[in-house]
Amino acid sequence: CLLSNNRRGRVDMFNKDIGVYSIAMAAKPAKSGYLKAMQLMGT
């Protein structure tokens, strides 16, 4: 999973050829993005 504080457009541009889970506007260091990433990945 990609976890970025950048906007969705930036994350999608990078992920276009990668094709993994991604979270934009994650507000790191907030825990919520990390927790959501684990939920998406099933880890």
Full PDB file with SEQRES, HELIX, SHEET, SSBOND, CRYST1, ORIGX, SCALE, CONECT and MASTER records, all heavy atoms in Angstrom:
SEQRES   1 A   43  CYS LEU LEU SER ASN ASN ARG ARG GLY ARG VAL ASP MET          
SEQRES   2 A   43  PHE ASN LYS ASP ILE GLY VAL TYR SER ILE ALA MET ALA          
SEQRES   3 A   43  ALA LYS PRO ALA LYS SER GLY TYR LEU LYS ALA MET GLN          
SEQRES   4 A   43  LEU MET GLY THR                                              
HELIX    1 AA1 ARG A    8  ASN A   15  1                                   8    
HELIX    2 AA2 LYS A   31  MET A   41  1                                  11    
SHEET    1 AA1 2 LEU A   2  LEU A   3  0                                        
SHEET    2 AA1 2 SER A  22  ILE A  23  1                                        
CRYST1    1.000    1.000    1.000  90.00  90.00  90.00 P 1           1          
ORIGX1      1.000000  0.000000  0.000000        0.00000                         
ORIGX2      0.000000  1.000000  0.000000        0.00000                         
ORIGX3      0.000000  0.000000  1.000000        0.00000                         
SCALE1      1.000000  0.000000  0.000000        0.00000                         
SCALE2      0.000000  1.000000  0.000000        0.00000                         
SCALE3      0.000000  0.000000  1.000000        0.00000                         
ATOM      1  N   CYS A   1       0.850  -1.186   0.000  1.00  0.00           N  
ATOM      2  CA  CYS A   1       0.000   0.000   0.000  1.00  0.00           C  
ATOM      3  C   CYS A   1       0.884   1.233   0.000  1.00  0.00           C  
ATOM      4  O   CYS A   1       1.883   1.295   0.728  1.00  0.00           O  
ATOM      5  CB  CYS A   1      -0.907  -0.004   1.233  1.00  0.00           C  
ATOM      6  SG  CYS A   1      -2.107   1.363   1.251  1.00  0.00           S  
ATOM      7  N   LEU A   2       0.535   2.209  -0.801  1.00  0.00           N  
ATOM      8  CA  LEU A   2       1.200   3.510  -0.804  1.00  0.00           C  
ATOM      9  C   LEU A   2       0.447   4.404   0.167  1.00  0.00           C  
ATOM     10  O   LEU A   2      -0.781   4.478   0.110  1.00  0.00           O  
ATOM     11  CB  LEU A   2       1.174   4.114  -2.205  1.00  0.00           C  
ATOM     12  CG  LEU A   2       1.752   3.247  -3.318  1.00  0.00           C  
ATOM     13  CD1 LEU A   2       1.461   3.871  -4.680  1.00  0.00           C  
ATOM     14  CD2 LEU A   2       3.244   3.032  -3.117  1.00  0.00           C  
ATOM     15  N   LEU A   3       1.191   5.086   1.030  1.00  0.00           N  
ATOM     16  CA  LEU A   3       0.585   5.981   2.022  1.00  0.00           C  
ATOM     17  C   LEU A   3       1.245   7.345   1.875  1.00  0.00           C  
ATOM     18  O   LEU A   3       2.436   7.492   2.143  1.00  0.00           O  
ATOM     19  CB  LEU A   3       0.796   5.419   3.431  1.00  0.00           C  
ATOM     20  CG  LEU A   3       0.135   6.160   4.574  1.00  0.00           C  
ATOM     21  CD1 LEU A   3      -1.387   6.053   4.480  1.00  0.00           C  
ATOM     22  CD2 LEU A   3       0.605   5.597   5.910  1.00  0.00           C  
ATOM     23  N   SER A   4       0.479   8.320   1.424  1.00  0.00           N  
ATOM     24  CA  SER A   4       1.057   9.618   1.085  1.00  0.00           C  
ATOM     25  C   SER A   4       0.218  10.760   1.641  1.00  0.00           C  
ATOM     26  O   SER A   4      -1.009  10.674   1.701  1.00  0.00           O  
ATOM     27  CB  SER A   4       1.141   9.749  -0.440  1.00  0.00           C  
ATOM     28  OG  SER A   4       1.623  11.019  -0.808  1.00  0.00           O  
ATOM     29  N   ASN A   5       0.900  11.818   2.015  1.00  0.00           N  
ATOM     30  CA  ASN A   5       0.207  13.038   2.416  1.00  0.00           C  
ATOM     31  C   ASN A   5      -0.161  13.883   1.202  1.00  0.00           C  
ATOM     32  O   ASN A   5      -0.801  14.916   1.333  1.00  0.00           O  
ATOM     33  CB  ASN A   5       1.072  13.855   3.384  1.00  0.00           C  
ATOM     34  CG  ASN A   5       1.095  13.251   4.774  1.00  0.00           C  
ATOM     35  OD1 ASN A   5       0.316  12.349   5.101  1.00  0.00           O  
ATOM     36  ND2 ASN A   5       2.000  13.744   5.615  1.00  0.00           N  
ATOM     37  N   ASN A   6       0.236  13.445   0.017  1.00  0.00           N  
ATOM     38  CA  ASN A   6      -0.080  14.163  -1.221  1.00  0.00           C  
ATOM     39  C   ASN A   6      -1.534  13.956  -1.623  1.00  0.00           C  
ATOM     40  O   ASN A   6      -2.216  13.070  -1.122  1.00  0.00           O  
ATOM     41  CB  ASN A   6       0.822  13.676  -2.361  1.00  0.00           C  
ATOM     42  CG  ASN A   6       2.169  14.334  -2.314  1.00  0.00           C  
ATOM     43  OD1 ASN A   6       2.268  15.552  -2.325  1.00  0.00           O  
ATOM     44  ND2 ASN A   6       3.215  13.521  -2.237  1.00  0.00           N  
ATOM     45  N   ARG A   7      -1.950  14.763  -2.587  1.00  0.00           N  
ATOM     46  CA  ARG A   7      -3.311  14.676  -3.119  1.00  0.00           C  
ATOM     47  C   ARG A   7      -3.491  13.407  -3.959  1.00  0.00           C  
ATOM     48  O   ARG A   7      -2.526  12.812  -4.435  1.00  0.00           O  
ATOM     49  CB  ARG A   7      -3.614  15.908  -3.974  1.00  0.00           C  
ATOM     50  CG  ARG A   7      -3.586  17.205  -3.188  1.00  0.00           C  
ATOM     51  CD  ARG A   7      -3.868  18.383  -4.118  1.00  0.00           C  
ATOM     52  NE  ARG A   7      -3.483  19.633  -3.508  1.00  0.00           N  
ATOM     53  CZ  ARG A   7      -4.284  20.367  -2.743  1.00  0.00           C  
ATOM     54  NH1 ARG A   7      -5.508  19.959  -2.503  1.00  0.00           N  
ATOM     55  NH2 ARG A   7      -3.864  21.494  -2.224  1.00  0.00           N  
ATOM     56  N   ARG A   8      -4.735  13.039  -4.159  1.00  0.00           N  
ATOM     57  CA  ARG A   8      -5.087  11.824  -4.902  1.00  0.00           C  
ATOM     58  C   ARG A   8      -4.456  11.807  -6.290  1.00  0.00           C  
ATOM     59  O   ARG A   8      -3.953  10.776  -6.743  1.00  0.00           O  
ATOM     60  CB  ARG A   8      -6.616  11.713  -4.986  1.00  0.00           C  
ATOM     61  CG  ARG A   8      -7.158  10.618  -5.856  1.00  0.00           C  
ATOM     62  CD  ARG A   8      -6.744   9.188  -5.571  1.00  0.00           C  
ATOM     63  NE  ARG A   8      -6.874   8.758  -4.214  1.00  0.00           N  
ATOM     64  CZ  ARG A   8      -6.184   7.718  -3.711  1.00  0.00           C  
ATOM     65  NH1 ARG A   8      -5.348   7.029  -4.476  1.00  0.00           N  
ATOM     66  NH2 ARG A   8      -6.336   7.351  -2.468  1.00  0.00           N  
ATOM     67  N   GLY A   9      -4.437  12.943  -6.996  1.00  0.00           N  
ATOM     68  CA  GLY A   9      -3.869  12.979  -8.347  1.00  0.00           C  
ATOM     69  C   GLY A   9      -2.412  12.561  -8.375  1.00  0.00           C  
ATOM     70  O   GLY A   9      -1.983  11.825  -9.275  1.00  0.00           O  
ATOM     71  N   ARG A  10      -1.650  13.040  -7.416  1.00  0.00           N  
ATOM     72  CA  ARG A  10      -0.224  12.679  -7.338  1.00  0.00           C  
ATOM     73  C   ARG A  10      -0.061  11.184  -7.074  1.00  0.00           C  
ATOM     74  O   ARG A  10       0.738  10.501  -7.717  1.00  0.00           O  
ATOM     75  CB  ARG A  10       0.462  13.498  -6.233  1.00  0.00           C  
ATOM     76  CG  ARG A  10       1.793  12.940  -5.765  1.00  0.00           C  
ATOM     77  CD  ARG A  10       2.848  12.986  -6.859  1.00  0.00           C  
ATOM     78  NE  ARG A  10       4.083  12.364  -6.444  1.00  0.00           N  
ATOM     79  CZ  ARG A  10       4.712  11.439  -7.161  1.00  0.00           C  
ATOM     80  NH1 ARG A  10       4.223  11.006  -8.293  1.00  0.00           N  
ATOM     81  NH2 ARG A  10       5.858  10.936  -6.753  1.00  0.00           N  
ATOM     82  N   VAL A  11      -0.806  10.670  -6.123  1.00  0.00           N  
ATOM     83  CA  VAL A  11      -0.700   9.262  -5.753  1.00  0.00           C  
ATOM     84  C   VAL A  11      -1.131   8.380  -6.924  1.00  0.00           C  
ATOM     85  O   VAL A  11      -0.455   7.398  -7.266  1.00  0.00           O  
ATOM     86  CB  VAL A  11      -1.522   8.966  -4.479  1.00  0.00           C  
ATOM     87  CG1 VAL A  11      -1.526   7.485  -4.159  1.00  0.00           C  
ATOM     88  CG2 VAL A  11      -0.970   9.777  -3.298  1.00  0.00           C  
ATOM     89  N   ASP A  12      -2.240   8.734  -7.578  1.00  0.00           N  
ATOM     90  CA  ASP A  12      -2.724   7.953  -8.714  1.00  0.00           C  
ATOM     91  C   ASP A  12      -1.735   7.980  -9.877  1.00  0.00           C  
ATOM     92  O   ASP A  12      -1.559   6.969 -10.575  1.00  0.00           O  
ATOM     93  CB  ASP A  12      -4.086   8.461  -9.186  1.00  0.00           C  
ATOM     94  CG  ASP A  12      -5.205   8.107  -8.231  1.00  0.00           C  
ATOM     95  OD1 ASP A  12      -4.990   7.283  -7.309  1.00  0.00           O  
ATOM     96  OD2 ASP A  12      -6.312   8.659  -8.390  1.00  0.00           O  
ATOM     97  N   MET A  13      -1.091   9.119 -10.106  1.00  0.00           N  
ATOM     98  CA  MET A  13      -0.103   9.224 -11.181  1.00  0.00           C  
ATOM     99  C   MET A  13       1.043   8.242 -10.933  1.00  0.00           C  
ATOM    100  O   MET A  13       1.474   7.548 -11.851  1.00  0.00           O  
ATOM    101  CB  MET A  13       0.426  10.662 -11.271  1.00  0.00           C  
ATOM    102  CG  MET A  13       1.382  10.889 -12.433  1.00  0.00           C  
ATOM    103  SD  MET A  13       3.123  10.985 -11.977  1.00  0.00           S  
ATOM    104  CE  MET A  13       3.205  12.517 -11.096  1.00  0.00           C  
ATOM    105  N   PHE A  14       1.517   8.149  -9.715  1.00  0.00           N  
ATOM    106  CA  PHE A  14       2.593   7.203  -9.402  1.00  0.00           C  
ATOM    107  C   PHE A  14       2.078   5.765  -9.490  1.00  0.00           C  
ATOM    108  O   PHE A  14       2.742   4.878 -10.012  1.00  0.00           O  
ATOM    109  CB  PHE A  14       3.160   7.460  -7.995  1.00  0.00           C  
ATOM    110  CG  PHE A  14       4.222   6.468  -7.622  1.00  0.00           C  
ATOM    111  CD1 PHE A  14       5.531   6.665  -8.005  1.00  0.00           C  
ATOM    112  CD2 PHE A  14       3.906   5.311  -6.922  1.00  0.00           C  
ATOM    113  CE1 PHE A  14       6.514   5.725  -7.700  1.00  0.00           C  
ATOM    114  CE2 PHE A  14       4.867   4.368  -6.604  1.00  0.00           C  
ATOM    115  CZ  PHE A  14       6.175   4.578  -6.989  1.00  0.00           C  
ATOM    116  N   ASN A  15       0.894   5.521  -8.973  1.00  0.00           N  
ATOM    117  CA  ASN A  15       0.364   4.165  -8.841  1.00  0.00           C  
ATOM    118  C   ASN A  15      -0.199   3.603 -10.149  1.00  0.00           C  
ATOM    119  O   ASN A  15      -0.479   2.406 -10.234  1.00  0.00           O  
ATOM    120  CB  ASN A  15      -0.713   4.133  -7.755  1.00  0.00           C  
ATOM    121  CG  ASN A  15      -1.001   2.741  -7.257  1.00  0.00           C  
ATOM    122  OD1 ASN A  15      -0.147   1.850  -7.300  1.00  0.00           O  
ATOM    123  ND2 ASN A  15      -2.198   2.536  -6.764  1.00  0.00           N  
ATOM    124  N   LYS A  16      -0.315   4.433 -11.173  1.00  0.00           N  
ATOM    125  CA  LYS A  16      -0.916   4.015 -12.449  1.00  0.00           C  
ATOM    126  C   LYS A  16      -0.282   2.727 -12.975  1.00  0.00           C  
ATOM    127  O   LYS A  16      -0.985   1.814 -13.380  1.00  0.00           O  
ATOM    128  CB  LYS A  16      -0.777   5.149 -13.473  1.00  0.00           C  
ATOM    129  CG  LYS A  16      -1.389   4.844 -14.832  1.00  0.00           C  
ATOM    130  CD  LYS A  16      -1.269   6.014 -15.768  1.00  0.00           C  
ATOM    131  CE  LYS A  16       0.156   6.113 -16.202  1.00  0.00           C  
ATOM    132  NZ  LYS A  16       0.436   6.522 -17.526  1.00  0.00           N  
ATOM    133  N   ASP A  17       1.032   2.645 -12.948  1.00  0.00           N  
ATOM    134  CA  ASP A  17       1.732   1.464 -13.478  1.00  0.00           C  
ATOM    135  C   ASP A  17       2.138   0.478 -12.383  1.00  0.00           C  
ATOM    136  O   ASP A  17       2.728  -0.558 -12.690  1.00  0.00           O  
ATOM    137  CB  ASP A  17       2.982   1.889 -14.248  1.00  0.00           C  
ATOM    138  CG  ASP A  17       2.636   2.680 -15.501  1.00  0.00           C  
ATOM    139  OD1 ASP A  17       1.578   2.402 -16.108  1.00  0.00           O  
ATOM    140  OD2 ASP A  17       3.412   3.579 -15.870  1.00  0.00           O  
ATOM    141  N   ILE A  18       1.844   0.815 -11.140  1.00  0.00           N  
ATOM    142  CA  ILE A  18       2.208  -0.059 -10.023  1.00  0.00           C  
ATOM    143  C   ILE A  18       1.018  -0.950  -9.655  1.00  0.00           C  
ATOM    144  O   ILE A  18       1.136  -2.153  -9.517  1.00  0.00           O  
ATOM    145  CB  ILE A  18       2.657   0.775  -8.792  1.00  0.00           C  
ATOM    146  CG1 ILE A  18       3.846   1.674  -9.146  1.00  0.00           C  
ATOM    147  CG2 ILE A  18       2.974  -0.131  -7.612  1.00  0.00           C  
ATOM    148  CD1 ILE A  18       5.128   0.990  -9.470  1.00  0.00           C  
ATOM    149  N   GLY A  19      -0.138  -0.328  -9.438  1.00  0.00           N  
ATOM    150  CA  GLY A  19      -1.364  -1.068  -9.198  1.00  0.00           C  
ATOM    151  C   GLY A  19      -1.500  -1.701  -7.827  1.00  0.00           C  
ATOM    152  O   GLY A  19      -2.009  -2.813  -7.707  1.00  0.00           O  
ATOM    153  N   VAL A  20      -1.061  -0.983  -6.794  1.00  0.00           N  
ATOM    154  CA  VAL A  20      -1.234  -1.488  -5.427  1.00  0.00           C  
ATOM    155  C   VAL A  20      -2.270  -0.625  -4.708  1.00  0.00           C  
ATOM    156  O   VAL A  20      -2.732   0.381  -5.231  1.00  0.00           O  
ATOM    157  CB  VAL A  20       0.107  -1.512  -4.649  1.00  0.00           C  
ATOM    158  CG1 VAL A  20       1.102  -2.449  -5.327  1.00  0.00           C  
ATOM    159  CG2 VAL A  20       0.693  -0.112  -4.498  1.00  0.00           C  
ATOM    160  N   TYR A  21      -2.623  -1.009  -3.486  1.00  0.00           N  
ATOM    161  CA  TYR A  21      -3.511  -0.171  -2.692  1.00  0.00           C  
ATOM    162  C   TYR A  21      -2.845   1.183  -2.481  1.00  0.00           C  
ATOM    163  O   TYR A  21      -1.606   1.282  -2.432  1.00  0.00           O  
ATOM    164  CB  TYR A  21      -3.769  -0.801  -1.321  1.00  0.00           C  
ATOM    165  CG  TYR A  21      -4.508  -2.104  -1.373  1.00  0.00           C  
ATOM    166  CD1 TYR A  21      -3.874  -3.294  -1.030  1.00  0.00           C  
ATOM    167  CD2 TYR A  21      -5.850  -2.155  -1.751  1.00  0.00           C  
ATOM    168  CE1 TYR A  21      -4.545  -4.502  -1.057  1.00  0.00           C  
ATOM    169  CE2 TYR A  21      -6.531  -3.365  -1.794  1.00  0.00           C  
ATOM    170  CZ  TYR A  21      -5.872  -4.530  -1.439  1.00  0.00           C  
ATOM    171  OH  TYR A  21      -6.540  -5.719  -1.476  1.00  0.00           O  
ATOM    172  N   SER A  22      -3.660   2.224  -2.322  1.00  0.00           N  
ATOM    173  CA  SER A  22      -3.076   3.541  -2.079  1.00  0.00           C  
ATOM    174  C   SER A  22      -4.022   4.395  -1.239  1.00  0.00           C  
ATOM    175  O   SER A  22      -5.240   4.260  -1.320  1.00  0.00           O  
ATOM    176  CB  SER A  22      -2.760   4.252  -3.399  1.00  0.00           C  
ATOM    177  OG  SER A  22      -3.951   4.526  -4.109  1.00  0.00           O  
ATOM    178  N   ILE A  23      -3.408   5.250  -0.442  1.00  0.00           N  
ATOM    179  CA  ILE A  23      -4.141   6.195   0.396  1.00  0.00           C  
ATOM    180  C   ILE A  23      -3.487   7.554   0.213  1.00  0.00           C  
ATOM    181  O   ILE A  23      -2.281   7.710   0.437  1.00  0.00           O  
ATOM    182  CB  ILE A  23      -4.106   5.778   1.881  1.00  0.00           C  
ATOM    183  CG1 ILE A  23      -4.751   4.397   2.057  1.00  0.00           C  
ATOM    184  CG2 ILE A  23      -4.783   6.830   2.750  1.00  0.00           C  
ATOM    185  CD1 ILE A  23      -4.496   3.757   3.400  1.00  0.00           C  
ATOM    186  N   ALA A  24      -4.280   8.530  -0.219  1.00  0.00           N  
ATOM    187  CA  ALA A  24      -3.796   9.901  -0.380  1.00  0.00           C  
ATOM    188  C   ALA A  24      -4.282  10.732   0.792  1.00  0.00           C  
ATOM    189  O   ALA A  24      -5.173  10.321   1.534  1.00  0.00           O  
ATOM    190  CB  ALA A  24      -4.314  10.478  -1.695  1.00  0.00           C  
ATOM    191  N   MET A  25      -3.696  11.902   0.944  1.00  0.00           N  
ATOM    192  CA  MET A  25      -4.093  12.831   2.016  1.00  0.00           C  
ATOM    193  C   MET A  25      -4.152  12.094   3.362  1.00  0.00           C  
ATOM    194  O   MET A  25      -5.108  12.223   4.127  1.00  0.00           O  
ATOM    195  CB  MET A  25      -5.436  13.484   1.689  1.00  0.00           C  
ATOM    196  CG  MET A  25      -5.471  14.227   0.361  1.00  0.00           C  
ATOM    197  SD  MET A  25      -4.429  15.699   0.311  1.00  0.00           S  
ATOM    198  CE  MET A  25      -5.361  16.781   1.366  1.00  0.00           C  
ATOM    199  N   ALA A  26      -3.112  11.334   3.660  1.00  0.00           N  
ATOM    200  CA  ALA A  26      -3.093  10.432   4.809  1.00  0.00           C  
ATOM    201  C   ALA A  26      -2.910  11.130   6.152  1.00  0.00           C  
ATOM    202  O   ALA A  26      -3.132  10.513   7.187  1.00  0.00           O  
ATOM    203  CB  ALA A  26      -1.996   9.386   4.625  1.00  0.00           C  
ATOM    204  N   ALA A  27      -2.477  12.367   6.142  1.00  0.00           N  
ATOM    205  CA  ALA A  27      -2.259  13.129   7.383  1.00  0.00           C  
ATOM    206  C   ALA A  27      -1.248  12.457   8.300  1.00  0.00           C  
ATOM    207  O   ALA A  27      -1.389  12.487   9.516  1.00  0.00           O  
ATOM    208  CB  ALA A  27      -3.583  13.387   8.104  1.00  0.00           C  
ATOM    209  N   LYS A  28      -0.201  11.843   7.697  1.00  0.00           N  
ATOM    210  CA  LYS A  28       0.869  11.271   8.525  1.00  0.00           C  
ATOM    211  C   LYS A  28       1.449  12.387   9.381  1.00  0.00           C  
ATOM    212  O   LYS A  28       1.616  13.491   8.877  1.00  0.00           O  
ATOM    213  CB  LYS A  28       1.977  10.661   7.647  1.00  0.00           C  
ATOM    214  CG  LYS A  28       1.548   9.474   6.840  1.00  0.00           C  
ATOM    215  CD  LYS A  28       2.682   8.916   5.986  1.00  0.00           C  
ATOM    216  CE  LYS A  28       3.019   9.820   4.821  1.00  0.00           C  
ATOM    217  NZ  LYS A  28       4.013   9.304   3.908  1.00  0.00           N  
ATOM    218  N   PRO A  29       1.697  12.178  10.622  1.00  0.00           N  
ATOM    219  CA  PRO A  29       1.867  10.924  11.358  1.00  0.00           C  
ATOM    220  C   PRO A  29       0.608  10.389  12.043  1.00  0.00           C  
ATOM    221  O   PRO A  29       0.709   9.529  12.929  1.00  0.00           O  
ATOM    222  CB  PRO A  29       2.916  11.274  12.399  1.00  0.00           C  
ATOM    223  CG  PRO A  29       2.615  12.703  12.743  1.00  0.00           C  
ATOM    224  CD  PRO A  29       2.172  13.324  11.432  1.00  0.00           C  
ATOM    225  N   ALA A  30      -0.564  10.821  11.666  1.00  0.00           N  
ATOM    226  CA  ALA A  30      -1.783  10.268  12.259  1.00  0.00           C  
ATOM    227  C   ALA A  30      -1.836   8.762  12.015  1.00  0.00           C  
ATOM    228  O   ALA A  30      -1.445   8.285  10.950  1.00  0.00           O  
ATOM    229  CB  ALA A  30      -3.018  10.942  11.659  1.00  0.00           C  
ATOM    230  N   LYS A  31      -2.351   8.030  12.968  1.00  0.00           N  
ATOM    231  CA  LYS A  31      -2.429   6.572  12.875  1.00  0.00           C  
ATOM    232  C   LYS A  31      -3.440   6.094  11.843  1.00  0.00           C  
ATOM    233  O   LYS A  31      -3.314   4.997  11.305  1.00  0.00           O  
ATOM    234  CB  LYS A  31      -2.837   5.978  14.229  1.00  0.00           C  
ATOM    235  CG  LYS A  31      -1.841   6.138  15.327  1.00  0.00           C  
ATOM    236  CD  LYS A  31      -2.376   5.367  16.531  1.00  0.00           C  
ATOM    237  CE  LYS A  31      -1.933   5.935  17.834  1.00  0.00           C  
ATOM    238  NZ  LYS A  31      -2.503   5.160  18.955  1.00  0.00           N  
ATOM    239  N   SER A  32      -4.446   6.894  11.560  1.00  0.00           N  
ATOM    240  CA  SER A  32      -5.573   6.438  10.739  1.00  0.00           C  
ATOM    241  C   SER A  32      -5.150   5.898   9.380  1.00  0.00           C  
ATOM    242  O   SER A  32      -5.686   4.880   8.919  1.00  0.00           O  
ATOM    243  CB  SER A  32      -6.598   7.556  10.571  1.00  0.00           C  
ATOM    244  OG  SER A  32      -5.991   8.697   9.999  1.00  0.00           O  
ATOM    245  N   GLY A  33      -4.217   6.533   8.715  1.00  0.00           N  
ATOM    246  CA  GLY A  33      -3.776   6.059   7.402  1.00  0.00           C  
ATOM    247  C   GLY A  33      -3.073   4.714   7.476  1.00  0.00           C  
ATOM    248  O   GLY A  33      -3.285   3.836   6.629  1.00  0.00           O  
ATOM    249  N   TYR A  34      -2.248   4.542   8.486  1.00  0.00           N  
ATOM    250  CA  TYR A  34      -1.533   3.278   8.667  1.00  0.00           C  
ATOM    251  C   TYR A  34      -2.535   2.154   8.955  1.00  0.00           C  
ATOM    252  O   TYR A  34      -2.414   1.052   8.411  1.00  0.00           O  
ATOM    253  CB  TYR A  34      -0.530   3.393   9.814  1.00  0.00           C  
ATOM    254  CG  TYR A  34       0.537   4.423   9.583  1.00  0.00           C  
ATOM    255  CD1 TYR A  34       0.320   5.772   9.862  1.00  0.00           C  
ATOM    256  CD2 TYR A  34       1.794   4.070   9.092  1.00  0.00           C  
ATOM    257  CE1 TYR A  34       1.297   6.729   9.652  1.00  0.00           C  
ATOM    258  CE2 TYR A  34       2.786   5.016   8.885  1.00  0.00           C  
ATOM    259  CZ  TYR A  34       2.526   6.347   9.164  1.00  0.00           C  
ATOM    260  OH  TYR A  34       3.504   7.277   8.945  1.00  0.00           O  
ATOM    261  N   LEU A  35      -3.518   2.450   9.811  1.00  0.00           N  
ATOM    262  CA  LEU A  35      -4.534   1.456  10.153  1.00  0.00           C  
ATOM    263  C   LEU A  35      -5.382   1.089   8.932  1.00  0.00           C  
ATOM    264  O   LEU A  35      -5.687  -0.080   8.700  1.00  0.00           O  
ATOM    265  CB  LEU A  35      -5.416   1.968  11.293  1.00  0.00           C  
ATOM    266  CG  LEU A  35      -4.700   2.167  12.638  1.00  0.00           C  
ATOM    267  CD1 LEU A  35      -5.608   2.896  13.630  1.00  0.00           C  
ATOM    268  CD2 LEU A  35      -4.211   0.845  13.206  1.00  0.00           C  
ATOM    269  N   LYS A  36      -5.734   2.097   8.135  1.00  0.00           N  
ATOM    270  CA  LYS A  36      -6.521   1.841   6.918  1.00  0.00           C  
ATOM    271  C   LYS A  36      -5.711   1.007   5.932  1.00  0.00           C  
ATOM    272  O   LYS A  36      -6.250   0.099   5.286  1.00  0.00           O  
ATOM    273  CB  LYS A  36      -6.966   3.158   6.282  1.00  0.00           C  
ATOM    274  CG  LYS A  36      -7.832   2.952   5.053  1.00  0.00           C  
ATOM    275  CD  LYS A  36      -8.342   4.269   4.503  1.00  0.00           C  
ATOM    276  CE  LYS A  36      -9.197   4.033   3.263  1.00  0.00           C  
ATOM    277  NZ  LYS A  36      -9.592   5.281   2.627  1.00  0.00           N  
ATOM    278  N   ALA A  37      -4.408   1.303   5.819  1.00  0.00           N  
ATOM    279  CA  ALA A  37      -3.549   0.527   4.917  1.00  0.00           C  
ATOM    280  C   ALA A  37      -3.532  -0.943   5.328  1.00  0.00           C  
ATOM    281  O   ALA A  37      -3.662  -1.837   4.480  1.00  0.00           O  
ATOM    282  CB  ALA A  37      -2.132   1.098   4.911  1.00  0.00           C  
ATOM    283  N   MET A  38      -3.394  -1.211   6.620  1.00  0.00           N  
ATOM    284  CA  MET A  38      -3.396  -2.597   7.090  1.00  0.00           C  
ATOM    285  C   MET A  38      -4.742  -3.260   6.822  1.00  0.00           C  
ATOM    286  O   MET A  38      -4.800  -4.435   6.441  1.00  0.00           O  
ATOM    287  CB  MET A  38      -3.034  -2.658   8.572  1.00  0.00           C  
ATOM    288  CG  MET A  38      -1.565  -2.368   8.831  1.00  0.00           C  
ATOM    289  SD  MET A  38      -1.088  -2.601  10.560  1.00  0.00           S  
ATOM    290  CE  MET A  38      -1.731  -1.099  11.296  1.00  0.00           C  
ATOM    291  N   GLN A  39      -5.817  -2.511   6.992  1.00  0.00           N  
ATOM    292  CA  GLN A  39      -7.152  -3.051   6.727  1.00  0.00           C  
ATOM    293  C   GLN A  39      -7.278  -3.431   5.246  1.00  0.00           C  
ATOM    294  O   GLN A  39      -7.763  -4.516   4.908  1.00  0.00           O  
ATOM    295  CB  GLN A  39      -8.217  -2.038   7.119  1.00  0.00           C  
ATOM    296  CG  GLN A  39      -9.633  -2.510   6.866  1.00  0.00           C  
ATOM    297  CD  GLN A  39     -10.665  -1.427   7.186  1.00  0.00           C  
ATOM    298  OE1 GLN A  39     -10.368  -0.238   7.190  1.00  0.00           O  
ATOM    299  NE2 GLN A  39     -11.885  -1.854   7.438  1.00  0.00           N  
ATOM    300  N   LEU A  40      -6.843  -2.551   4.354  1.00  0.00           N  
ATOM    301  CA  LEU A  40      -6.900  -2.828   2.921  1.00  0.00           C  
ATOM    302  C   LEU A  40      -6.086  -4.073   2.555  1.00  0.00           C  
ATOM    303  O   LEU A  40      -6.509  -4.886   1.728  1.00  0.00           O  
ATOM    304  CB  LEU A  40      -6.375  -1.631   2.123  1.00  0.00           C  
ATOM    305  CG  LEU A  40      -7.241  -0.380   2.083  1.00  0.00           C  
ATOM    306  CD1 LEU A  40      -6.477   0.779   1.458  1.00  0.00           C  
ATOM    307  CD2 LEU A  40      -8.535  -0.639   1.318  1.00  0.00           C  
ATOM    308  N   MET A  41      -4.902  -4.203   3.173  1.00  0.00           N  
ATOM    309  CA  MET A  41      -4.001  -5.311   2.842  1.00  0.00           C  
ATOM    310  C   MET A  41      -4.363  -6.603   3.568  1.00  0.00           C  
ATOM    311  O   MET A  41      -3.831  -7.667   3.230  1.00  0.00           O  
ATOM    312  CB  MET A  41      -2.553  -4.937   3.165  1.00  0.00           C  
ATOM    313  CG  MET A  41      -2.003  -3.794   2.354  1.00  0.00           C  
ATOM    314  SD  MET A  41      -0.241  -3.511   2.630  1.00  0.00           S  
ATOM    315  CE  MET A  41      -0.192  -3.086   4.385  1.00  0.00           C  
ATOM    316  N   GLY A  42      -5.203  -6.510   4.601  1.00  0.00           N  
ATOM    317  CA  GLY A  42      -5.531  -7.691   5.385  1.00  0.00           C  
ATOM    318  C   GLY A  42      -4.399  -8.113   6.305  1.00  0.00           C  
ATOM    319  O   GLY A  42      -4.233  -9.300   6.598  1.00  0.00           O  
ATOM    320  N   THR A  43      -3.613  -7.131   6.758  1.00  0.00           N  
ATOM    321  CA  THR A  43      -2.491  -7.414   7.654  1.00  0.00           C  
ATOM    322  C   THR A  43      -2.751  -6.769   9.010  1.00  0.00           C  
ATOM    323  O   THR A  43      -3.780  -6.126   9.222  1.00  0.00           O  
ATOM    324  CB  THR A  43      -1.158  -6.903   7.059  1.00  0.00           C  
ATOM    325  OG1 THR A  43      -1.231  -5.471   6.885  1.00  0.00           O  
ATOM    326  CG2 THR A  43      -0.858  -7.561   5.715  1.00  0.00           C  
TER     327      THR A  43                                                      
MASTER        0    0    0    2    2    0    0    6  326    1    0    4          
END                                                                             
